PDB file of N, CA and C in Angstrom:
ATOM      1  N   ASN A   1     -83.189 -62.142  36.633  1.00  0.00           N
ATOM      2  CA  ASN A   1     -82.443 -62.703  36.038  1.00  0.00           C
ATOM      3  C   ASN A   1     -81.719 -62.264  35.503  1.00  0.00           C
ATOM      4  N   THR A   2     -80.211 -63.039  35.670  1.00  0.00           N
ATOM      5  CA  THR A   2     -78.797 -62.139  34.784  1.00  0.00           C
ATOM      6  C   THR A   2     -78.266 -63.403  34.008  1.00  0.00           C
ATOM      7  N   LEU A   3     -77.699 -63.100  33.151  1.00  0.00           N
ATOM      8  CA  LEU A   3     -78.012 -63.406  31.846  1.00  0.00           C
ATOM      9  C   LEU A   3     -76.178 -63.256  32.180  1.00  0.00           C
ATOM     10  N   PHE A   4     -75.771 -64.715  31.879  1.00  0.00           N
ATOM     11  CA  PHE A   4     -74.050 -64.977  31.553  1.00  0.00           C
ATOM     12  C   PHE A   4     -73.808 -65.428  30.640  1.00  0.00           C
ATOM     13  N   ASN A   5     -72.610 -65.710  30.099  1.00  0.00           N
ATOM     14  CA  ASN A   5     -72.416 -66.338  28.889  1.00  0.00           C
ATOM     15  C   ASN A   5     -70.151 -66.470  29.493  1.00  0.00           C
ATOM     16  N   ILE A   6     -69.963 -67.722  29.419  1.00  0.00           N
ATOM     17  CA  ILE A   6     -68.627 -67.490  30.430  1.00  0.00           C
ATOM     18  C   ILE A   6     -67.312 -68.812  28.657  1.00  0.00           C
ATOM     19  N   ASN A   7     -66.476 -68.224  28.246  1.00  0.00           N
ATOM     20  CA  ASN A   7     -66.046 -68.438  27.613  1.00  0.00           C
ATOM     21  C   ASN A   7     -64.418 -69.113  27.956  1.00  0.00           C
ATOM     22  N   ALA A   8     -64.110 -70.072  27.869  1.00  0.00           N
ATOM     23  CA  ALA A   8     -63.298 -70.474  27.528  1.00  0.00           C
ATOM     24  C   ALA A   8     -62.220 -71.440  27.402  1.00  0.00           C
ATOM     25  N   ASN A   9     -60.698 -71.505  27.325  1.00  0.00           N
ATOM     26  CA  ASN A   9     -59.480 -71.936  26.358  1.00  0.00           C
ATOM     27  C   ASN A   9     -58.331 -72.235  27.499  1.00  0.00           C
ATOM     28  N   VAL A  10     -58.320 -73.466  27.640  1.00  0.00           N
ATOM     29  CA  VAL A  10     -57.285 -73.912  28.073  1.00  0.00           C
ATOM     30  C   VAL A  10     -56.154 -74.898  27.047  1.00  0.00           C
ATOM     31  N   GLN A  11     -55.056 -74.694  26.804  1.00  0.00           N
ATOM     32  CA  GLN A  11     -53.723 -75.349  26.587  1.00  0.00           C
ATOM     33  C   GLN A  11     -53.213 -75.681  27.267  1.00  0.00           C
ATOM     34  N   LYS A  12     -52.588 -77.359  26.683  1.00  0.00           N
ATOM     35  CA  LYS A  12     -51.463 -78.376  27.453  1.00  0.00           C
ATOM     36  C   LYS A  12     -51.915 -77.684  28.549  1.00  0.00           C
ATOM     37  N   VAL A  13     -53.003 -78.354  29.231  1.00  0.00           N
ATOM     38  CA  VAL A  13     -52.523 -78.396  30.883  1.00  0.00           C
ATOM     39  C   VAL A  13     -52.664 -79.997  32.055  1.00  0.00           C
ATOM     40  N   ALA A  14     -52.014 -80.137  32.267  1.00  0.00           N
ATOM     41  CA  ALA A  14     -51.872 -81.715  33.359  1.00  0.00           C
ATOM     42  C   ALA A  14     -52.885 -81.506  33.415  1.00  0.00           C
ATOM     43  N   VAL A  15     -53.650 -83.182  32.733  1.00  0.00           N
ATOM     44  CA  VAL A  15     -55.364 -83.055  33.484  1.00  0.00           C
ATOM     45  C   VAL A  15     -55.625 -83.342  34.692  1.00  0.00           C
ATOM     46  N   ASP A  16     -54.121 -84.243  35.549  1.00  0.00           N
ATOM     47  CA  ASP A  16     -54.844 -84.415  36.990  1.00  0.00           C
ATOM     48  C   ASP A  16     -54.853 -82.702  37.702  1.00  0.00           C
ATOM     49  N   LYS A  17     -54.030 -81.604  37.217  1.00  0.00           N
ATOM     50  CA  LYS A  17     -54.174 -80.395  38.224  1.00  0.00           C
ATOM     51  C   LYS A  17     -55.168 -79.485  38.229  1.00  0.00           C
ATOM     52  N   LEU A  18     -55.783 -79.904  36.572  1.00  0.00           N
ATOM     53  CA  LEU A  18     -56.597 -79.436  36.619  1.00  0.00           C
ATOM     54  C   LEU A  18     -57.710 -80.318  37.042  1.00  0.00           C
ATOM     55  N   LEU A  19     -58.390 -81.702  37.292  1.00  0.00           N
ATOM     56  CA  LEU A  19     -59.432 -81.974  37.946  1.00  0.00           C
ATOM     57  C   LEU A  19     -58.899 -81.268  39.683  1.00  0.00           C
ATOM     58  N   TYR A  20     -57.525 -81.591  39.801  1.00  0.00           N
ATOM     59  CA  TYR A  20     -57.785 -80.892  41.565  1.00  0.00           C
ATOM     60  C   TYR A  20     -57.738 -79.486  41.503  1.00  0.00           C
ATOM     61  N   GLY A  21     -57.495 -79.083  40.662  1.00  0.00           N
ATOM     62  CA  GLY A  21     -57.840 -77.291  41.215  1.00  0.00           C
ATOM     63  C   GLY A  21     -58.953 -77.151  40.685  1.00  0.00           C
ATOM     64  N   SER A  22     -59.885 -78.109  39.874  1.00  0.00           N
ATOM     65  CA  SER A  22     -61.332 -78.035  39.784  1.00  0.00           C
ATOM     66  C   SER A  22     -62.489 -78.367  41.005  1.00  0.00           C
ATOM     67  N   GLY A  23     -61.906 -79.141  41.919  1.00  0.00           N
ATOM     68  CA  GLY A  23     -62.657 -79.918  42.849  1.00  0.00           C
ATOM     69  C   GLY A  23     -63.496 -80.758  41.729  1.00  0.00           C
ATOM     70  N   ASN A  24     -62.997 -81.483  40.709  1.00  0.00           N
ATOM     71  CA  ASN A  24     -63.159 -82.647  39.888  1.00  0.00           C
ATOM     72  C   ASN A  24     -64.720 -82.682  39.368  1.00  0.00           C
ATOM     73  N   PHE A  25     -64.981 -80.716  38.831  1.00  0.00           N
ATOM     74  CA  PHE A  25     -65.692 -80.785  38.147  1.00  0.00           C
ATOM     75  C   PHE A  25     -67.372 -80.430  38.478  1.00  0.00           C
ATOM     76  N   GLY A  26     -67.356 -81.161  40.199  1.00  0.00           N
ATOM     77  CA  GLY A  26     -68.018 -82.135  40.422  1.00  0.00           C
ATOM     78  C   GLY A  26     -68.105 -83.747  40.224  1.00  0.00           C
ATOM     79  N   GLN A  27     -67.997 -84.040  39.345  1.00  0.00           N
ATOM     80  CA  GLN A  27     -67.786 -85.632  39.277  1.00  0.00           C
ATOM     81  C   GLN A  27     -67.336 -86.535  40.190  1.00  0.00           C
ATOM     82  N   ALA A  28     -67.597 -87.773  40.036  1.00  0.00           N
ATOM     83  CA  ALA A  28     -66.682 -88.523  40.907  1.00  0.00           C
ATOM     84  C   ALA A  28     -66.175 -89.914  39.799  1.00  0.00           C
ATOM     85  N   THR A  29     -66.239 -89.826  38.352  1.00  0.00           N
ATOM     86  CA  THR A  29     -65.075 -90.874  38.505  1.00  0.00           C
ATOM     87  C   THR A  29     -63.781 -90.823  37.460  1.00  0.00           C
ATOM     88  N   PHE A  30     -63.284 -89.347  37.486  1.00  0.00           N
ATOM     89  CA  PHE A  30     -62.235 -89.646  36.864  1.00  0.00           C
ATOM     90  C   PHE A  30     -61.515 -88.769  37.624  1.00  0.00           C
ATOM     91  N   LEU A  31     -61.331 -88.955  38.662  1.00  0.00           N
ATOM     92  CA  LEU A  31     -60.295 -88.859  39.587  1.00  0.00           C
ATOM     93  C   LEU A  31     -58.849 -87.906  39.248  1.00  0.00           C
ATOM     94  N   PRO A  32     -57.947 -87.127  40.402  1.00  0.00           N
ATOM     95  CA  PRO A  32     -56.591 -87.174  39.773  1.00  0.00           C
ATOM     96  C   PRO A  32     -55.362 -88.108  39.794  1.00  0.00           C
ATOM     97  N   GLU A  33     -56.061 -88.970  40.507  1.00  0.00           N
ATOM     98  CA  GLU A  33     -54.876 -89.984  40.854  1.00  0.00           C
ATOM     99  C   GLU A  33     -54.757 -91.258  39.780  1.00  0.00           C
ATOM    100  N   ASN A  34     -56.025 -91.281  38.865  1.00  0.00           N
ATOM    101  CA  ASN A  34     -56.598 -92.305  37.700  1.00  0.00           C
ATOM    102  C   ASN A  34     -56.546 -91.286  36.194  1.00  0.00           C
ATOM    103  N   ILE A  35     -55.860 -90.021  36.402  1.00  0.00           N
ATOM    104  CA  ILE A  35     -55.648 -89.771  34.800  1.00  0.00           C
ATOM    105  C   ILE A  35     -54.421 -89.167  34.883  1.00  0.00           C
ATOM    106  N   LYS A  36     -53.804 -89.420  33.464  1.00  0.00           N
ATOM    107  CA  LYS A  36     -52.597 -88.745  33.847  1.00  0.00           C
ATOM    108  C   LYS A  36     -52.502 -88.244  31.979  1.00  0.00           C
ATOM    109  N   GLY A  37     -52.060 -87.567  32.080  1.00  0.00           N
ATOM    110  CA  GLY A  37     -51.967 -86.813  30.272  1.00  0.00           C
ATOM    111  C   GLY A  37     -52.146 -84.688  30.266  1.00  0.00           C
ATOM    112  N   HIS A  38     -51.848 -84.361  29.329  1.00  0.00           N
ATOM    113  CA  HIS A  38     -51.844 -83.163  28.700  1.00  0.00           C
ATOM    114  C   HIS A  38     -53.491 -82.588  27.961  1.00  0.00           C
ATOM    115  N   ILE A  39     -54.743 -82.312  29.065  1.00  0.00           N
ATOM    116  CA  ILE A  39     -55.531 -81.704  28.413  1.00  0.00           C
ATOM    117  C   ILE A  39     -55.440 -80.255  27.474  1.00  0.00           C
ATOM    118  N   SER A  40     -56.032 -80.165  25.960  1.00  0.00           N
ATOM    119  CA  SER A  40     -56.237 -78.754  25.756  1.00  0.00           C
ATOM    120  C   SER A  40     -57.909 -78.418  25.003  1.00  0.00           C
ATOM    121  N   LEU A  41     -58.565 -77.773  25.626  1.00  0.00           N
ATOM    122  CA  LEU A  41     -60.440 -77.542  25.359  1.00  0.00           C
ATOM    123  C   LEU A  41     -60.407 -76.351  25.446  1.00  0.00           C
ATOM    124  N   ASN A  42     -61.269 -76.271  24.850  1.00  0.00           N
ATOM    125  CA  ASN A  42     -61.940 -74.782  23.829  1.00  0.00           C
ATOM    126  C   ASN A  42     -63.525 -75.110  24.939  1.00  0.00           C
ATOM    127  N   SER A  43     -63.963 -73.999  25.776  1.00  0.00           N
ATOM    128  CA  SER A  43     -66.124 -74.609  25.890  1.00  0.00           C
ATOM    129  C   SER A  43     -66.375 -73.222  26.051  1.00  0.00           C
ATOM    130  N   ASN A  44     -67.823 -73.209  25.800  1.00  0.00           N
ATOM    131  CA  ASN A  44     -68.960 -72.357  26.225  1.00  0.00           C
ATOM    132  C   ASN A  44     -69.655 -72.282  26.921  1.00  0.00           C
ATOM    133  N   LEU A  45     -69.918 -71.599  27.916  1.00  0.00           N
ATOM    134  CA  LEU A  45     -71.358 -72.237  28.443  1.00  0.00           C
ATOM    135  C   LEU A  45     -72.263 -70.783  29.057  1.00  0.00           C
ATOM    136  N   SER A  46     -73.771 -70.932  28.647  1.00  0.00           N
ATOM    137  CA  SER A  46     -74.818 -69.385  29.183  1.00  0.00           C
ATOM    138  C   SER A  46     -75.464 -70.441  29.839  1.00  0.00           C
ATOM    139  N   GLY A  47     -76.706 -69.039  30.568  1.00  0.00           N
ATOM    140  CA  GLY A  47     -77.341 -69.500  31.082  1.00  0.00           C
ATOM    141  C   GLY A  47     -78.022 -67.951  32.103  1.00  0.00           C
ATOM    142  N   ARG A  48     -78.589 -68.912  33.728  1.00  0.00           N
ATOM    143  CA  ARG A  48     -79.185 -67.177  33.713  1.00  0.00           C
ATOM    144  C   ARG A  48     -78.861 -67.729  35.417  1.00  0.00           C
ATOM    145  N   PHE A  49     -78.823 -66.397  36.026  1.00  0.00           N
ATOM    146  CA  PHE A  49     -78.986 -66.456  37.833  1.00  0.00           C
ATOM    147  C   PHE A  49     -79.643 -66.096  38.363  1.00  0.00           C
ATOM    148  N   ASN A  50     -80.705 -66.263  39.195  1.00  0.00           N
ATOM    149  CA  ASN A  50     -81.799 -66.073  39.735  1.00  0.00           C
ATOM    150  C   ASN A  50     -81.049 -64.504  40.224  1.00  0.00           C
ATOM    151  N   GLY A  51     -82.376 -64.112  41.285  1.00  0.00           N
ATOM    152  CA  GLY A  51     -82.053 -63.220  42.199  1.00  0.00           C
ATOM    153  C   GLY A  51     -80.792 -63.493  43.835  1.00  0.00           C
ATOM    154  N   LYS A  52     -80.726 -64.386  43.562  1.00  0.00           N
ATOM    155  CA  LYS A  52     -80.320 -65.104  45.225  1.00  0.00           C
ATOM    156  C   LYS A  52     -78.593 -65.192  44.219  1.00  0.00           C
ATOM    157  N   GLY A  53     -78.318 -65.225  42.878  1.00  0.00           N
ATOM    158  CA  GLY A  53     -77.188 -65.515  42.509  1.00  0.00           C
ATOM    159  C   GLY A  53     -77.658 -67.298  42.486  1.00  0.00           C
ATOM    160  N   GLN A  54     -78.431 -67.779  42.566  1.00  0.00           N
ATOM    161  CA  GLN A  54     -78.698 -69.988  42.055  1.00  0.00           C
ATOM    162  C   GLN A  54     -78.699 -69.560  40.262  1.00  0.00           C
ATOM    163  N   PHE A  55     -78.103 -70.670  39.588  1.00  0.00           N
ATOM    164  CA  PHE A  55     -78.923 -70.887  38.595  1.00  0.00           C
ATOM    165  C   PHE A  55     -80.035 -71.274  38.321  1.00  0.00           C
ATOM    166  N   VAL A  56     -80.522 -71.021  37.515  1.00  0.00           N
ATOM    167  CA  VAL A  56     -81.840 -71.145  36.945  1.00  0.00           C
ATOM    168  C   VAL A  56     -81.783 -72.073  36.409  1.00  0.00           C
ATOM    169  N   LEU A  57     -82.301 -72.809  36.900  1.00  0.00           N
ATOM    170  CA  LEU A  57     -83.061 -75.382  36.544  1.00  0.00           C
ATOM    171  C   LEU A  57     -83.112 -74.969  35.454  1.00  0.00           C
ATOM    172  N   GLY A  58     -82.813 -75.649  34.272  1.00  0.00           N
ATOM    173  CA  GLY A  58     -83.343 -75.552  32.497  1.00  0.00           C
ATOM    174  C   GLY A  58     -82.662 -74.456  31.833  1.00  0.00           C
ATOM    175  N   SER A  59     -81.539 -73.684  32.539  1.00  0.00           N
ATOM    176  CA  SER A  59     -81.334 -72.015  31.854  1.00  0.00           C
ATOM    177  C   SER A  59     -79.764 -72.530  30.972  1.00  0.00           C
ATOM    178  N   LEU A  60     -78.801 -73.669  31.720  1.00  0.00           N
ATOM    179  CA  LEU A  60     -77.561 -74.223  31.627  1.00  0.00           C
ATOM    180  C   LEU A  60     -77.862 -74.831  29.631  1.00  0.00           C
ATOM    181  N   LYS A  61     -76.660 -73.961  29.384  1.00  0.00           N
ATOM    182  CA  LYS A  61     -76.650 -74.338  27.691  1.00  0.00           C
ATOM    183  C   LYS A  61     -74.773 -74.201  27.330  1.00  0.00           C
ATOM    184  N   GLY A  62     -74.598 -75.094  26.922  1.00  0.00           N
ATOM    185  CA  GLY A  62     -72.760 -75.161  26.663  1.00  0.00           C
ATOM    186  C   GLY A  62     -72.603 -76.825  25.784  1.00  0.00           C
ATOM    187  N   ASN A  63     -71.053 -76.134  25.144  1.00  0.00           N
ATOM    188  CA  ASN A  63     -70.371 -77.286  24.442  1.00  0.00           C
ATOM    189  C   ASN A  63     -69.203 -76.999  24.906  1.00  0.00           C
ATOM    190  N   THR A  64     -68.663 -78.500  24.842  1.00  0.00           N
ATOM    191  CA  THR A  64     -66.664 -78.462  24.662  1.00  0.00           C
ATOM    192  C   THR A  64     -66.821 -79.668  23.911  1.00  0.00           C
ATOM    193  N   GLY A  65     -65.053 -78.582  23.456  1.00  0.00           N
ATOM    194  CA  GLY A  65     -64.035 -80.267  22.499  1.00  0.00           C
ATOM    195  C   GLY A  65     -63.045 -79.913  23.733  1.00  0.00           C
ATOM    196  N   PHE A  66     -62.386 -81.034  23.147  1.00  0.00           N
ATOM    197  CA  PHE A  66     -61.313 -81.489  24.468  1.00  0.00           C
ATOM    198  C   PHE A  66     -60.637 -82.472  23.504  1.00  0.00           C
ATOM    199  N   GLU A  67     -58.300 -82.386  23.976  1.00  0.00           N
ATOM    200  CA  GLU A  67     -57.814 -83.113  23.091  1.00  0.00           C
ATOM    201  C   GLU A  67     -57.352 -83.691  24.748  1.00  0.00           C
ATOM    202  N   LEU A  68     -56.917 -85.297  24.838  1.00  0.00           N
ATOM    203  CA  LEU A  68     -56.285 -85.226  25.928  1.00  0.00           C
ATOM    204  C   LEU A  68     -54.858 -85.968  24.938  1.00  0.00           C
ATOM    205  N   VAL A  69     -53.960 -85.322  24.838  1.00  0.00           N
ATOM    206  CA  VAL A  69     -52.509 -85.809  25.165  1.00  0.00           C
ATOM    207  C   VAL A  69     -51.848 -86.416  25.523  1.00  0.00           C
ATOM    208  N   ASN A  70     -51.134 -87.746  25.446  1.00  0.00           N
ATOM    209  CA  ASN A  70     -50.321 -89.249  26.158  1.00  0.00           C
ATOM    210  C   ASN A  70     -51.208 -88.916  27.225  1.00  0.00           C
ATOM    211  N   GLY A  71     -52.479 -89.519  27.386  1.00  0.00           N
ATOM    212  CA  GLY A  71     -53.632 -89.657  28.495  1.00  0.00           C
ATOM    213  C   GLY A  71     -53.339 -91.055  28.753  1.00  0.00           C
ATOM    214  N   GLU A  72     -53.092 -91.391  30.377  1.00  0.00           N
ATOM    215  CA  GLU A  72     -53.157 -92.799  31.070  1.00  0.00           C
ATOM    216  C   GLU A  72     -54.549 -92.828  31.492  1.00  0.00           C
ATOM    217  N   LEU A  73     -54.863 -93.780  32.158  1.00  0.00           N
ATOM    218  CA  LEU A  73     -56.105 -94.101  33.265  1.00  0.00           C
ATOM    219  C   LEU A  73     -55.055 -94.867  34.016  1.00  0.00           C
ATOM    220  N   ILE A  74     -55.110 -94.971  35.053  1.00  0.00           N
ATOM    221  CA  ILE A  74     -54.924 -95.275  36.363  1.00  0.00           C
ATOM    222  C   ILE A  74     -54.982 -96.111  37.464  1.00  0.00           C
ATOM    223  N   GLN A  75     -55.434 -97.279  37.364  1.00  0.00           N
ATOM    224  CA  GLN A  75     -55.752 -97.708  38.214  1.00  0.00           C
ATOM    225  C   GLN A  75     -57.737 -97.866  38.242  1.00  0.00           C
ATOM    226  N   PHE A  76     -58.372 -97.546  36.976  1.00  0.00           N
ATOM    227  CA  PHE A  76     -59.976 -97.251  36.398  1.00  0.00           C
ATOM    228  C   PHE A  76     -60.250 -98.170  37.284  1.00  0.00           C
ATOM    229  N   ARG A  77     -61.056 -97.626  37.728  1.00  0.00           N
ATOM    230  CA  ARG A  77     -62.759 -99.029  38.289  1.00  0.00           C
ATOM    231  C   ARG A  77     -63.501 -99.125  37.465  1.00  0.00           C
ATOM    232  N   PRO A  78     -63.966 -98.128  36.740  1.00  0.00           N
ATOM    233  CA  PRO A  78     -64.711 -98.491  35.638  1.00  0.00           C
ATOM    234  C   PRO A  78     -64.048 -99.688  34.622  1.00  0.00           C
ATOM    235  N   LEU A  79     -63.553 -99.527  34.502  1.00  0.00           N
ATOM    236  CA  LEU A  79     -62.402-100.679  33.610  1.00  0.00           C
ATOM    237  C   LEU A  79     -62.231-101.536  34.604  1.00  0.00           C
ATOM    238  N   ILE A  80     -61.353-101.256  35.343  1.00  0.00           N
ATOM    239  CA  ILE A  80     -61.222-102.817  35.758  1.00  0.00           C
ATOM    240  C   ILE A  80     -62.187-103.479  35.893  1.00  0.00           C
ATOM    241  N   LYS A  81     -64.114-103.122  36.174  1.00  0.00           N
ATOM    242  CA  LYS A  81     -64.666-104.039  37.007  1.00  0.00           C
ATOM    243  C   LYS A  81     -65.403-105.036  35.692  1.00  0.00           C
ATOM    244  N   MET A  82     -65.167-103.601  33.995  1.00  0.00           N
ATOM    245  CA  MET A  82     -64.971-104.131  32.885  1.00  0.00           C
ATOM    246  C   MET A  82     -64.436-105.635  32.580  1.00  0.00           C
ATOM    247  N   GLY A  83     -63.157-105.344  32.451  1.00  0.00           N
ATOM    248  CA  GLY A  83     -62.267-106.247  31.931  1.00  0.00           C
ATOM    249  C   GLY A  83     -62.625-107.593  32.972  1.00  0.00           C
ATOM    250  N   LYS A  84     -63.231-107.201  34.197  1.00  0.00           N
ATOM    251  CA  LYS A  84     -63.740-108.823  34.844  1.00  0.00           C
ATOM    252  C   LYS A  84     -64.611-109.566  34.093  1.00  0.00           C
ATOM    253  N   ILE A  85     -65.724-108.694  33.700  1.00  0.00           N
ATOM    254  CA  ILE A  85     -66.794-109.245  33.231  1.00  0.00           C
ATOM    255  C   ILE A  85     -66.374-109.488  31.726  1.00  0.00           C
ATOM    256  N   ILE A  86     -65.005-108.737  31.359  1.00  0.00           N
ATOM    257  CA  ILE A  86     -65.614-109.245  29.487  1.00  0.00           C
ATOM    258  C   ILE A  86     -63.930-110.385  29.354  1.00  0.00           C
ATOM    259  N   PHE A  87     -63.087-110.775  30.620  1.00  0.00           N
ATOM    260  CA  PHE A  87     -61.549-111.374  30.376  1.00  0.00           C
ATOM    261  C   PHE A  87     -61.516-112.751  31.548  1.00  0.00           C
ATOM    262  N   ARG A  88     -63.269-112.445  32.292  1.00  0.00           N
ATOM    263  CA  ARG A  88     -63.637-113.533  33.381  1.00  0.00           C
ATOM    264  C   ARG A  88     -63.021-115.326  33.374  1.00  0.00           C
ATOM    265  N   ARG A  89     -63.098-115.455  32.138  1.00  0.00           N
ATOM    266  CA  ARG A  89     -62.909-116.936  31.740  1.00  0.00           C
ATOM    267  C   ARG A  89     -61.147-117.204  31.209  1.00  0.00           C
ATOM    268  N   LYS A  90     -60.381-115.632  31.720  1.00  0.00           N
ATOM    269  CA  LYS A  90     -58.894-115.975  31.041  1.00  0.00           C
ATOM    270  C   LYS A  90     -58.164-115.439  32.692  1.00  0.00           C
ATOM    271  N   GLY A  91     -58.795-115.479  33.576  1.00  0.00           N
ATOM    272  CA  GLY A  91     -57.851-115.777  34.609  1.00  0.00           C
ATOM    273  C   GLY A  91     -57.812-114.584  36.048  1.00  0.00           C
ATOM    274  N   ASN A  92     -57.511-113.903  36.262  1.00  0.00           N
ATOM    275  CA  ASN A  92     -57.220-112.796  37.001  1.00  0.00           C
ATOM    276  C   ASN A  92     -56.630-111.921  36.371  1.00  0.00           C
ATOM    277  N   LEU A  93     -57.311-110.183  36.525  1.00  0.00           N
ATOM    278  CA  LEU A  93     -56.627-109.003  35.758  1.00  0.00           C
ATOM    279  C   LEU A  93     -55.132-108.519  36.531  1.00  0.00           C
TER     280      LEU A  93
END
């Protein structure tokens, strides 16, 4: 097994561009077209690769701290669905 450690420092990057360029980090909640703003983050990740270059399950550990400035959620489905439930008696959103 090969140990790795990654430290990243990102400053004032357009969050939609970061998501697009990283393939959304493998998640489907925040899409580039649904979020705007500038993100700064510090992150560290450590873990192990096996002899085939694959992550060793259970070996990944890390922390990330971030700040989003002038952030906007645009047609963000989870909030739209929540709003329809919470405000269902207030008419259509």
